């Protein structure tokens, strides 16, 4: 696969300037350069925080006609999981997803749920609350700090064959240290950075 060079992600007609891969964000994404049907523009940040016993997955998505705030609790020892994903309608970019994973905070508050991803002194703080998460309508709460971000990540820019200005652009950051707490389903757990990790 071709190695990406520095510059804008999209050209004047909204197509990828080049397709390929990189180990950092060498391309500049600007949602204002996206052409075509904006109802098909989907932006999201998904985090997984885990150790050998349990994990938490958090998603904030702006999918044009709908958005969602999602939280999952994963119990690896019991091989169970629970996910609750309250939706909101017609955000069309108003959620304010950052153009780059290097900077920019984002938060969403809605009836019964809220989530935020914020930078604090070079670290990432992830907080989420859902009023009715458990089967018995008990809440979900987490407050997690990710640190020691690796220098390299996995970045891909892929065109869609069926349309010249359709594309998929993704970055995965793996192996950040995680610390913090999660409370849900009648239990409170702590992530210890000695054995807990996070990925975006």
C-alpha atoms as a PDB file:
ATOM      1  CA  UNK A   1       0.000   0.000   0.000  1.00  0.00           C
ATOM      2  CA  UNK A   2       1.225   3.484  -0.891  1.00  0.00           C
ATOM      3  CA  UNK A   3       2.726   5.618   1.903  1.00  0.00           C
ATOM      4  CA  UNK A   4       0.840   8.892   2.343  1.00  0.00           C
ATOM      5  CA  UNK A   5       2.646  12.211   2.016  1.00  0.00           C
ATOM      6  CA  UNK A   6       1.887  15.462   3.820  1.00  0.00           C
ATOM      7  CA  UNK A   7      -0.902  17.722   2.639  1.00  0.00           C
ATOM      8  CA  UNK A   8      -4.685  17.975   2.494  1.00  0.00           C
ATOM      9  CA  UNK A   9      -6.718  14.785   2.561  1.00  0.00           C
ATOM     10  CA  UNK A  10      -9.175  15.929  -0.134  1.00  0.00           C
ATOM     11  CA  UNK A  11      -8.790  17.828  -3.402  1.00  0.00           C
ATOM     12  CA  UNK A  12     -11.083  20.500  -4.861  1.00  0.00           C
ATOM     13  CA  UNK A  13     -13.684  17.958  -6.028  1.00  0.00           C
ATOM     14  CA  UNK A  14     -13.778  16.180  -2.687  1.00  0.00           C
ATOM     15  CA  UNK A  15     -11.804  13.110  -3.722  1.00  0.00           C
ATOM     16  CA  UNK A  16      -8.795  11.738  -1.865  1.00  0.00           C
ATOM     17  CA  UNK A  17      -5.585  13.443  -2.943  1.00  0.00           C
ATOM     18  CA  UNK A  18      -3.969  10.037  -2.523  1.00  0.00           C
ATOM     19  CA  UNK A  19      -4.859   6.689  -1.019  1.00  0.00           C
ATOM     20  CA  UNK A  20      -2.578   4.752   1.272  1.00  0.00           C
ATOM     21  CA  UNK A  21      -1.292   4.412   4.794  1.00  0.00           C
ATOM     22  CA  UNK A  22       0.853   6.269   7.310  1.00  0.00           C
ATOM     23  CA  UNK A  23       2.024   5.966  10.901  1.00  0.00           C
ATOM     24  CA  UNK A  24       0.855   9.488  11.792  1.00  0.00           C
ATOM     25  CA  UNK A  25      -1.682  12.093  10.690  1.00  0.00           C
ATOM     26  CA  UNK A  26       0.240  13.513   7.735  1.00  0.00           C
ATOM     27  CA  UNK A  27      -3.022  14.454   6.005  1.00  0.00           C
ATOM     28  CA  UNK A  28      -5.248  17.383   7.024  1.00  0.00           C
ATOM     29  CA  UNK A  29      -8.963  16.552   7.179  1.00  0.00           C
ATOM     30  CA  UNK A  30     -11.504  19.347   6.686  1.00  0.00           C
ATOM     31  CA  UNK A  31     -15.187  18.388   6.658  1.00  0.00           C
ATOM     32  CA  UNK A  32     -15.908  21.546   4.589  1.00  0.00           C
ATOM     33  CA  UNK A  33     -14.010  19.955   1.691  1.00  0.00           C
ATOM     34  CA  UNK A  34     -16.317  16.936   1.614  1.00  0.00           C
ATOM     35  CA  UNK A  35     -18.522  17.020  -1.488  1.00  0.00           C
ATOM     36  CA  UNK A  36     -21.652  15.127  -2.412  1.00  0.00           C
ATOM     37  CA  UNK A  37     -24.491  14.063  -0.147  1.00  0.00           C
ATOM     38  CA  UNK A  38     -23.698  15.193   3.389  1.00  0.00           C
ATOM     39  CA  UNK A  39     -26.343  12.751   4.645  1.00  0.00           C
ATOM     40  CA  UNK A  40     -23.698  10.085   4.031  1.00  0.00           C
ATOM     41  CA  UNK A  41     -20.934  11.804   6.036  1.00  0.00           C
ATOM     42  CA  UNK A  42     -20.226   9.793   9.167  1.00  0.00           C
ATOM     43  CA  UNK A  43     -17.744  10.910  11.851  1.00  0.00           C
ATOM     44  CA  UNK A  44     -17.089   9.092  15.095  1.00  0.00           C
ATOM     45  CA  UNK A  45     -14.586   8.453  17.884  1.00  0.00           C
ATOM     46  CA  UNK A  46     -14.557   4.990  19.424  1.00  0.00           C
ATOM     47  CA  UNK A  47     -12.450   4.124  22.472  1.00  0.00           C
ATOM     48  CA  UNK A  48     -11.833   0.716  24.017  1.00  0.00           C
ATOM     49  CA  UNK A  49     -10.342   0.564  27.534  1.00  0.00           C
ATOM     50  CA  UNK A  50      -9.468  -2.876  28.842  1.00  0.00           C
ATOM     51  CA  UNK A  51      -7.380  -5.229  30.947  1.00  0.00           C
ATOM     52  CA  UNK A  52      -7.446  -9.015  31.274  1.00  0.00           C
ATOM     53  CA  UNK A  53     -10.699  -9.035  33.265  1.00  0.00           C
ATOM     54  CA  UNK A  54     -13.055  -6.374  31.920  1.00  0.00           C
ATOM     55  CA  UNK A  55     -13.345  -3.543  29.464  1.00  0.00           C
ATOM     56  CA  UNK A  56     -15.314  -0.426  28.565  1.00  0.00           C
ATOM     57  CA  UNK A  57     -16.147   0.751  25.050  1.00  0.00           C
ATOM     58  CA  UNK A  58     -17.272   4.328  24.393  1.00  0.00           C
ATOM     59  CA  UNK A  59     -18.553   5.832  21.149  1.00  0.00           C
ATOM     60  CA  UNK A  60     -19.640   9.309  20.171  1.00  0.00           C
ATOM     61  CA  UNK A  61     -20.907   9.423  16.596  1.00  0.00           C
ATOM     62  CA  UNK A  62     -22.286  12.093  14.279  1.00  0.00           C
ATOM     63  CA  UNK A  63     -23.760  10.238  11.301  1.00  0.00           C
ATOM     64  CA  UNK A  64     -25.529  13.231   9.744  1.00  0.00           C
ATOM     65  CA  UNK A  65     -29.160  12.111  10.039  1.00  0.00           C
ATOM     66  CA  UNK A  66     -28.544  10.517  13.443  1.00  0.00           C
ATOM     67  CA  UNK A  67     -25.959  10.459  16.210  1.00  0.00           C
ATOM     68  CA  UNK A  68     -25.367   8.302  19.222  1.00  0.00           C
ATOM     69  CA  UNK A  69     -23.759   8.148  22.640  1.00  0.00           C
ATOM     70  CA  UNK A  70     -22.803   4.555  23.366  1.00  0.00           C
ATOM     71  CA  UNK A  71     -21.278   2.726  26.325  1.00  0.00           C
ATOM     72  CA  UNK A  72     -20.471  -0.952  26.723  1.00  0.00           C
ATOM     73  CA  UNK A  73     -19.268  -2.957  29.685  1.00  0.00           C
ATOM     74  CA  UNK A  74     -17.381  -6.134  28.743  1.00  0.00           C
ATOM     75  CA  UNK A  75     -16.795  -8.905  31.274  1.00  0.00           C
ATOM     76  CA  UNK A  76     -14.079 -11.122  29.807  1.00  0.00           C
ATOM     77  CA  UNK A  77     -14.124 -13.620  32.665  1.00  0.00           C
ATOM     78  CA  UNK A  78     -17.861 -14.306  32.322  1.00  0.00           C
ATOM     79  CA  UNK A  79     -17.927 -13.735  28.543  1.00  0.00           C
ATOM     80  CA  UNK A  80     -20.771 -11.199  28.848  1.00  0.00           C
ATOM     81  CA  UNK A  81     -21.358  -7.689  27.636  1.00  0.00           C
ATOM     82  CA  UNK A  82     -23.983  -4.979  27.866  1.00  0.00           C
ATOM     83  CA  UNK A  83     -24.304  -2.023  25.509  1.00  0.00           C
ATOM     84  CA  UNK A  84     -26.675   0.936  25.662  1.00  0.00           C
ATOM     85  CA  UNK A  85     -26.649   3.483  22.817  1.00  0.00           C
ATOM     86  CA  UNK A  86     -29.055   6.429  23.138  1.00  0.00           C
ATOM     87  CA  UNK A  87     -29.526   8.183  19.792  1.00  0.00           C
ATOM     88  CA  UNK A  88     -30.115  11.791  18.827  1.00  0.00           C
ATOM     89  CA  UNK A  89     -31.451  13.051  15.523  1.00  0.00           C
ATOM     90  CA  UNK A  90     -30.186  15.197  12.630  1.00  0.00           C
ATOM     91  CA  UNK A  91     -26.905  16.537  14.042  1.00  0.00           C
ATOM     92  CA  UNK A  92     -25.392  17.097  10.555  1.00  0.00           C
ATOM     93  CA  UNK A  93     -21.979  17.993  11.993  1.00  0.00           C
ATOM     94  CA  UNK A  94     -23.232  20.121  14.886  1.00  0.00           C
ATOM     95  CA  UNK A  95     -21.759  17.601  17.353  1.00  0.00           C
ATOM     96  CA  UNK A  96     -18.408  19.251  16.621  1.00  0.00           C
ATOM     97  CA  UNK A  97     -16.164  16.234  16.117  1.00  0.00           C
ATOM     98  CA  UNK A  98     -12.518  17.409  16.019  1.00  0.00           C
ATOM     99  CA  UNK A  99     -10.815  17.320  12.620  1.00  0.00           C
ATOM    100  CA  UNK A 100      -7.742  15.713  14.174  1.00  0.00           C
ATOM    101  CA  UNK A 101      -7.130  13.250  16.986  1.00  0.00           C
ATOM    102  CA  UNK A 102      -4.158  15.362  18.101  1.00  0.00           C
ATOM    103  CA  UNK A 103      -6.287  18.135  19.570  1.00  0.00           C
ATOM    104  CA  UNK A 104      -9.816  19.286  20.137  1.00  0.00           C
ATOM    105  CA  UNK A 105     -12.408  18.383  22.747  1.00  0.00           C
ATOM    106  CA  UNK A 106     -15.860  17.046  22.030  1.00  0.00           C
ATOM    107  CA  UNK A 107     -18.862  16.512  24.289  1.00  0.00           C
ATOM    108  CA  UNK A 108     -22.511  15.646  23.944  1.00  0.00           C
ATOM    109  CA  UNK A 109     -25.241  15.970  26.540  1.00  0.00           C
ATOM    110  CA  UNK A 110     -28.728  14.694  25.940  1.00  0.00           C
ATOM    111  CA  UNK A 111     -31.636  13.569  28.055  1.00  0.00           C
ATOM    112  CA  UNK A 112     -30.431  10.630  30.133  1.00  0.00           C
ATOM    113  CA  UNK A 113     -26.858  10.516  28.835  1.00  0.00           C
ATOM    114  CA  UNK A 114     -23.678  12.499  28.366  1.00  0.00           C
ATOM    115  CA  UNK A 115     -20.162  11.840  27.153  1.00  0.00           C
ATOM    116  CA  UNK A 116     -16.987  13.881  26.760  1.00  0.00           C
ATOM    117  CA  UNK A 117     -13.492  13.379  25.381  1.00  0.00           C
ATOM    118  CA  UNK A 118     -11.053  16.081  26.509  1.00  0.00           C
ATOM    119  CA  UNK A 119      -7.325  16.720  26.371  1.00  0.00           C
ATOM    120  CA  UNK A 120      -5.679  17.452  29.734  1.00  0.00           C
ATOM    121  CA  UNK A 121      -1.924  18.118  29.824  1.00  0.00           C
ATOM    122  CA  UNK A 122      -1.247  15.812  26.895  1.00  0.00           C
ATOM    123  CA  UNK A 123      -3.526  13.082  28.225  1.00  0.00           C
ATOM    124  CA  UNK A 124      -7.045  12.103  27.186  1.00  0.00           C
ATOM    125  CA  UNK A 125      -9.867  12.165  29.731  1.00  0.00           C
ATOM    126  CA  UNK A 126     -12.943  10.134  28.833  1.00  0.00           C
ATOM    127  CA  UNK A 127     -16.117  10.567  30.868  1.00  0.00           C
ATOM    128  CA  UNK A 128     -19.542   9.084  30.275  1.00  0.00           C
ATOM    129  CA  UNK A 129     -22.843   8.759  32.087  1.00  0.00           C
ATOM    130  CA  UNK A 130     -26.032   6.925  31.108  1.00  0.00           C
ATOM    131  CA  UNK A 131     -29.014   7.137  33.447  1.00  0.00           C
ATOM    132  CA  UNK A 132     -30.560   3.752  32.612  1.00  0.00           C
ATOM    133  CA  UNK A 133     -27.869   1.264  31.697  1.00  0.00           C
ATOM    134  CA  UNK A 134     -28.527  -1.931  33.637  1.00  0.00           C
ATOM    135  CA  UNK A 135     -31.525  -4.247  33.168  1.00  0.00           C
ATOM    136  CA  UNK A 136     -32.815  -2.768  36.420  1.00  0.00           C
ATOM    137  CA  UNK A 137     -32.337   0.775  35.018  1.00  0.00           C
ATOM    138  CA  UNK A 138     -29.256   1.486  37.168  1.00  0.00           C
ATOM    139  CA  UNK A 139     -26.741   3.990  35.730  1.00  0.00           C
ATOM    140  CA  UNK A 140     -23.381   3.718  34.017  1.00  0.00           C
ATOM    141  CA  UNK A 141     -20.534   6.072  34.983  1.00  0.00           C
ATOM    142  CA  UNK A 142     -16.891   6.148  33.995  1.00  0.00           C
ATOM    143  CA  UNK A 143     -13.958   8.544  34.348  1.00  0.00           C
ATOM    144  CA  UNK A 144     -10.831   7.320  32.563  1.00  0.00           C
ATOM    145  CA  UNK A 145      -7.478   8.942  31.804  1.00  0.00           C
ATOM    146  CA  UNK A 146      -5.330   7.711  28.897  1.00  0.00           C
ATOM    147  CA  UNK A 147      -1.606   8.529  28.818  1.00  0.00           C
ATOM    148  CA  UNK A 148       1.694   7.454  27.237  1.00  0.00           C
ATOM    149  CA  UNK A 149       0.396   7.724  23.701  1.00  0.00           C
ATOM    150  CA  UNK A 150       2.763   5.906  21.319  1.00  0.00           C
ATOM    151  CA  UNK A 151       4.603   7.841  18.620  1.00  0.00           C
ATOM    152  CA  UNK A 152       3.246   5.616  15.844  1.00  0.00           C
ATOM    153  CA  UNK A 153      -0.349   4.864  14.969  1.00  0.00           C
ATOM    154  CA  UNK A 154      -2.140   3.245  12.033  1.00  0.00           C
ATOM    155  CA  UNK A 155      -3.681   5.637   9.495  1.00  0.00           C
ATOM    156  CA  UNK A 156      -5.432   4.616   6.287  1.00  0.00           C
ATOM    157  CA  UNK A 157      -7.135   6.573   3.507  1.00  0.00           C
ATOM    158  CA  UNK A 158      -9.226   4.345   1.232  1.00  0.00           C
ATOM    159  CA  UNK A 159     -11.387   5.369  -1.750  1.00  0.00           C
ATOM    160  CA  UNK A 160     -14.695   3.676  -2.576  1.00  0.00           C
ATOM    161  CA  UNK A 161     -14.678   2.220  -6.093  1.00  0.00           C
ATOM    162  CA  UNK A 162     -18.309   3.077  -6.824  1.00  0.00           C
ATOM    163  CA  UNK A 163     -17.973   6.852  -6.395  1.00  0.00           C
ATOM    164  CA  UNK A 164     -15.009   9.144  -7.026  1.00  0.00           C
ATOM    165  CA  UNK A 165     -15.533  11.341  -3.951  1.00  0.00           C
ATOM    166  CA  UNK A 166     -16.480   8.626  -1.451  1.00  0.00           C
ATOM    167  CA  UNK A 167     -13.769   7.609   1.000  1.00  0.00           C
ATOM    168  CA  UNK A 168     -12.934   6.046   4.362  1.00  0.00           C
ATOM    169  CA  UNK A 169     -10.334   7.750   6.563  1.00  0.00           C
ATOM    170  CA  UNK A 170      -9.342   6.132   9.842  1.00  0.00           C
ATOM    171  CA  UNK A 171      -6.709   6.258  12.553  1.00  0.00           C
ATOM    172  CA  UNK A 172      -6.050   3.667  15.237  1.00  0.00           C
ATOM    173  CA  UNK A 173      -3.941   4.577  18.293  1.00  0.00           C
ATOM    174  CA  UNK A 174      -3.094   1.438  20.260  1.00  0.00           C
ATOM    175  CA  UNK A 175      -1.430   0.835  23.617  1.00  0.00           C
ATOM    176  CA  UNK A 176      -2.139   3.956  25.674  1.00  0.00           C
ATOM    177  CA  UNK A 177      -1.972   3.406  29.441  1.00  0.00           C
ATOM    178  CA  UNK A 178      -5.342   3.620  31.168  1.00  0.00           C
ATOM    179  CA  UNK A 179      -6.356   4.549  34.686  1.00  0.00           C
ATOM    180  CA  UNK A 180      -9.716   5.384  36.173  1.00  0.00           C
ATOM    181  CA  UNK A 181     -13.006   3.962  37.304  1.00  0.00           C
ATOM    182  CA  UNK A 182     -16.190   2.477  35.930  1.00  0.00           C
ATOM    183  CA  UNK A 183     -19.393   1.860  37.861  1.00  0.00           C
ATOM    184  CA  UNK A 184     -22.308  -0.110  36.441  1.00  0.00           C
ATOM    185  CA  UNK A 185     -24.352  -3.306  36.806  1.00  0.00           C
ATOM    186  CA  UNK A 186     -23.908  -3.295  40.569  1.00  0.00           C
ATOM    187  CA  UNK A 187     -20.112  -3.225  40.508  1.00  0.00           C
ATOM    188  CA  UNK A 188     -17.325  -0.662  40.682  1.00  0.00           C
ATOM    189  CA  UNK A 189     -14.040  -1.398  38.960  1.00  0.00           C
ATOM    190  CA  UNK A 190     -10.747   0.400  38.600  1.00  0.00           C
ATOM    191  CA  UNK A 191      -8.360   0.470  35.674  1.00  0.00           C
ATOM    192  CA  UNK A 192      -4.750   0.351  36.854  1.00  0.00           C
ATOM    193  CA  UNK A 193      -2.150   1.645  34.364  1.00  0.00           C
ATOM    194  CA  UNK A 194       0.127  -1.278  35.217  1.00  0.00           C
ATOM    195  CA  UNK A 195      -2.181  -3.685  33.343  1.00  0.00           C
ATOM    196  CA  UNK A 196      -4.839  -1.564  31.616  1.00  0.00           C
ATOM    197  CA  UNK A 197      -4.721  -0.072  28.141  1.00  0.00           C
ATOM    198  CA  UNK A 198      -6.769   2.100  25.831  1.00  0.00           C
ATOM    199  CA  UNK A 199      -7.118   2.431  22.097  1.00  0.00           C
ATOM    200  CA  UNK A 200      -8.809   4.956  19.813  1.00  0.00           C
END
